[in-house]
Protein backbone atom coordinates (compact mmCIF):
# COMPACT_ATOMS: atom_id res chain seq x y z
CA MET A 1 21.92 -0.28 -0.58
CA ALA A 2 18.83 -0.45 -2.52
CA THR A 3 16.05 -1.03 -1.29
CA LYS A 4 13.79 -4.09 -3.35
CA ALA A 5 10.58 -3.73 -4.83
CA TRP A 6 8.69 -6.41 -2.58
CA GLN A 7 10.34 -4.03 0.42
CA SER A 8 9.26 -1.02 -1.07
CA TYR A 9 5.46 -2.91 -1.93
CA GLU A 10 5.34 -3.07 1.60
CA LYS A 11 5.76 0.00 2.75
CA VAL A 12 3.37 1.75 0.11
CA ALA A 13 1.00 -0.86 0.88
CA GLN A 14 1.11 -0.15 4.57
CA HIS A 15 0.72 3.54 4.19
CA LEU A 16 -2.17 3.07 2.16
CA LEU A 17 -4.37 0.63 4.38
CA ASP A 18 -3.52 2.93 7.09
CA GLN A 19 -4.72 5.77 4.88
CA PHE A 20 -7.77 4.03 3.79
CA ALA A 21 -7.99 2.12 7.59
CA GLU A 22 -11.39 2.99 7.99
CA HIS A 23 -13.20 0.80 5.16
CA PHE A 24 -11.92 -1.83 7.15
CA GLU A 25 -12.98 -0.68 10.34
CA LEU A 26 -9.46 -0.10 11.94
CA GLY A 27 -8.23 3.08 13.95
CA HIS A 28 -4.37 2.57 11.75
CA VAL A 29 -2.55 0.26 10.19
CA GLU A 30 1.08 -0.24 12.00
CA GLY A 31 4.32 -1.83 9.89
CA LYS A 32 6.21 -4.37 9.90
CA GLN A 33 6.72 -6.66 13.63
CA LEU A 34 6.47 -9.93 15.49
CA VAL A 35 3.32 -11.24 16.93
CA ALA A 36 3.71 -13.98 19.39
CA GLY A 37 1.32 -16.84 18.38
CA ASN A 38 -0.45 -19.65 21.13
CA SER A 39 1.82 -21.95 20.00
CA GLY A 40 4.67 -20.82 21.25
CA THR A 41 6.36 -19.83 18.07
CA GLU A 42 6.86 -15.90 17.19
CA TRP A 43 5.32 -14.68 13.40
CA GLU A 44 6.66 -11.85 10.99
CA ILE A 45 3.98 -9.81 9.46
CA ASP A 46 4.49 -7.11 7.14
CA ALA A 47 1.85 -4.84 8.69
CA LYS A 48 -0.88 -4.73 12.06
CA GLY A 49 -4.26 -3.41 11.37
CA VAL A 50 -5.66 -2.48 14.99
CA SER A 51 -9.00 -1.68 15.83
CA GLU A 52 -10.00 1.47 17.96
CA GLY A 53 -9.59 1.17 21.31
CA ALA A 54 -6.97 -1.90 19.78
CA GLU A 55 -9.34 -4.49 21.02
CA ALA A 56 -8.35 -6.65 18.06
CA PHE A 57 -6.32 -6.78 14.80
CA LEU A 58 -6.25 -8.16 11.67
CA ILE A 59 -2.71 -9.34 10.78
CA ILE A 60 -1.30 -7.55 7.08
CA GLU A 61 0.25 -9.98 4.36
CA CYS A 62 1.59 -8.34 1.04
CA ARG A 63 3.05 -10.62 -1.70
CA ARG A 64 4.47 -8.63 -5.31
CA TYR A 65 3.72 -11.81 -6.67
CA THR A 66 3.59 -10.49 -10.28
CA LYS A 67 3.92 -14.21 -12.49
CA SER A 68 1.29 -16.54 -10.49
CA ARG A 69 -1.66 -15.90 -8.23
CA LEU A 70 -2.24 -16.11 -4.47
CA ASN A 71 -2.52 -19.97 -4.10
CA GLN A 72 -4.74 -22.06 -1.24
CA GLU A 73 -1.61 -22.94 0.32
CA SER A 74 -0.59 -19.76 0.83
CA MET A 75 -3.84 -18.86 2.23
CA ALA A 76 -4.04 -21.48 4.75
CA ALA A 77 -0.71 -20.61 6.16
CA LEU A 78 -1.96 -17.11 6.35
CA ALA A 79 -4.94 -18.45 8.26
CA PHE A 80 -3.19 -20.29 10.33
CA ARG A 81 -1.05 -17.25 11.57
CA ILE A 82 -4.63 -15.82 12.57
CA GLN A 83 -6.04 -18.36 14.15
CA ASP A 84 -2.31 -18.87 16.19
CA THR A 85 -2.26 -15.37 17.23
CA GLY A 86 -6.16 -15.12 18.20
CA ALA A 87 -6.25 -11.98 15.32
CA LYS A 88 -9.88 -11.45 14.08
CA GLY A 89 -8.99 -11.96 10.56
CA GLY A 90 -6.61 -10.63 8.04
CA ILE A 91 -5.80 -8.49 4.66
CA VAL A 92 -3.35 -10.01 1.73
CA VAL A 93 -2.15 -7.24 -0.44
CA SER A 94 -1.05 -9.05 -3.95
CA PRO A 95 -1.08 -7.84 -7.45
CA MET A 96 -3.26 -10.42 -8.96
CA GLU A 97 -6.68 -12.12 -8.24
CA LEU A 98 -6.45 -14.93 -5.86
CA GLN A 99 -6.47 -18.67 -7.41
CA ARG A 100 -10.02 -20.51 -6.72
CA GLY A 101 -9.22 -22.42 -3.55
CA ALA A 102 -7.49 -19.25 -2.15
CA LYS A 103 -10.62 -17.28 -2.50
CA LYS A 104 -12.44 -20.08 -0.33
CA VAL A 105 -9.27 -20.03 1.84
CA ALA A 106 -10.08 -16.03 2.45
CA ALA A 107 -13.57 -16.35 2.88
CA SER A 108 -13.51 -19.00 5.66
CA ALA A 109 -10.50 -17.31 7.57
CA ASN A 110 -12.18 -13.28 7.54
CA ILE A 111 -9.23 -12.57 4.91
CA GLN A 112 -10.22 -9.42 3.07
CA HIS A 113 -8.30 -9.50 -0.21
CA VAL A 114 -6.24 -5.87 -1.50
CA THR A 115 -5.40 -5.62 -5.06
CA LEU A 116 -2.73 -3.38 -5.49
CA ASP A 117 -0.81 -2.20 -8.69
CA PRO A 118 2.95 -3.58 -8.26
CA GLN A 119 4.59 -0.30 -9.42
CA SER A 120 2.76 1.85 -6.98
CA THR A 121 3.85 4.58 -4.75
CA THR A 122 2.66 6.85 -1.97
CA SER A 123 0.98 8.98 -4.25
CA ASP A 124 0.71 7.03 -7.45
CA TYR A 125 -1.64 3.95 -7.28
CA MET A 126 -4.54 1.93 -7.73
CA LEU A 127 -5.63 -0.21 -4.90
CA ARG A 128 -9.39 -2.25 -5.02
CA PHE A 129 -10.89 -4.10 -2.30
CA LEU A 130 -14.40 -4.50 -1.14
CA ASN A 131 -16.13 -3.55 -4.82
CA GLN A 132 -13.91 -0.15 -4.88
CA VAL A 133 -11.31 1.43 -6.72
CA PHE A 134 -9.37 3.87 -5.62
CA VAL A 135 -6.43 5.43 -7.88
CA GLY A 136 -3.25 8.39 -6.90
CA VAL A 137 -2.28 10.24 -9.26
CA SER A 138 -0.16 13.07 -9.17
CA ASP A 139 2.20 15.00 -11.80
CA SER A 140 4.60 18.02 -11.36
CA VAL A 141 4.71 21.27 -12.92
CA THR A 142 7.86 22.97 -13.74
CA VAL A 143 7.37 27.16 -13.95
CA THR A 144 9.91 29.60 -15.04
CA ASP A 145 10.21 33.17 -15.16
CA SER A 146 12.26 35.64 -17.92
CA VAL A 147 12.22 39.15 -18.21
CA HIS A 148 13.76 40.83 -20.99
CA ILE A 149 13.35 45.28 -20.49
CA GLN A 150 14.02 47.66 -23.92
CA VAL A 151 14.99 51.10 -23.08
CA ILE A 152 14.01 52.79 -26.49
CA ARG A 153 15.09 56.40 -26.35
CA ASP A 154 14.28 58.57 -29.66
CA GLY A 155 13.45 55.85 -31.40
CA LYS A 156 17.21 53.51 -30.30
CA VAL A 157 17.52 50.91 -27.92
CA ILE A 158 20.00 52.52 -25.43
CA ASP A 159 19.84 49.63 -22.55
CA GLU A 160 19.14 45.96 -23.05
CA ARG A 161 18.75 43.87 -20.23
CA LYS A 162 17.78 39.48 -19.83
CA ALA A 163 17.13 37.72 -17.24
């Protein structure tokens, strides 16, 4: 079964956030998991940012929306999960900027927005956060080799080989 674009996006985001964890004052970033809430519910989160020493954590949500920006209702839902689980804040990853109301909720709930290109891979990406841009670029090179040997005696080719 093929991996869906949103699943790949979540995995790439988790990998890249782990690579840049120190920028968010995190020790590392873990993958998808369930986190218990004080309300008695369990919340499935896309990733979890854990501070050095594991004293605190951030909830990480990925939204690969390519036609609409995240709105304040979506951001408020994340804000409630943060409150219910006792997280110190959150990170929301999406390809587009947030709507105005979503920015206000994010600022109020200690949610950082990370912009990640929707076609990103772990090696080819454009990641924007905290007034910085990080770009990953990869390329492939193909090297071929060939040999052509001629043995000439008295001006005549007596043996020729190609490899």
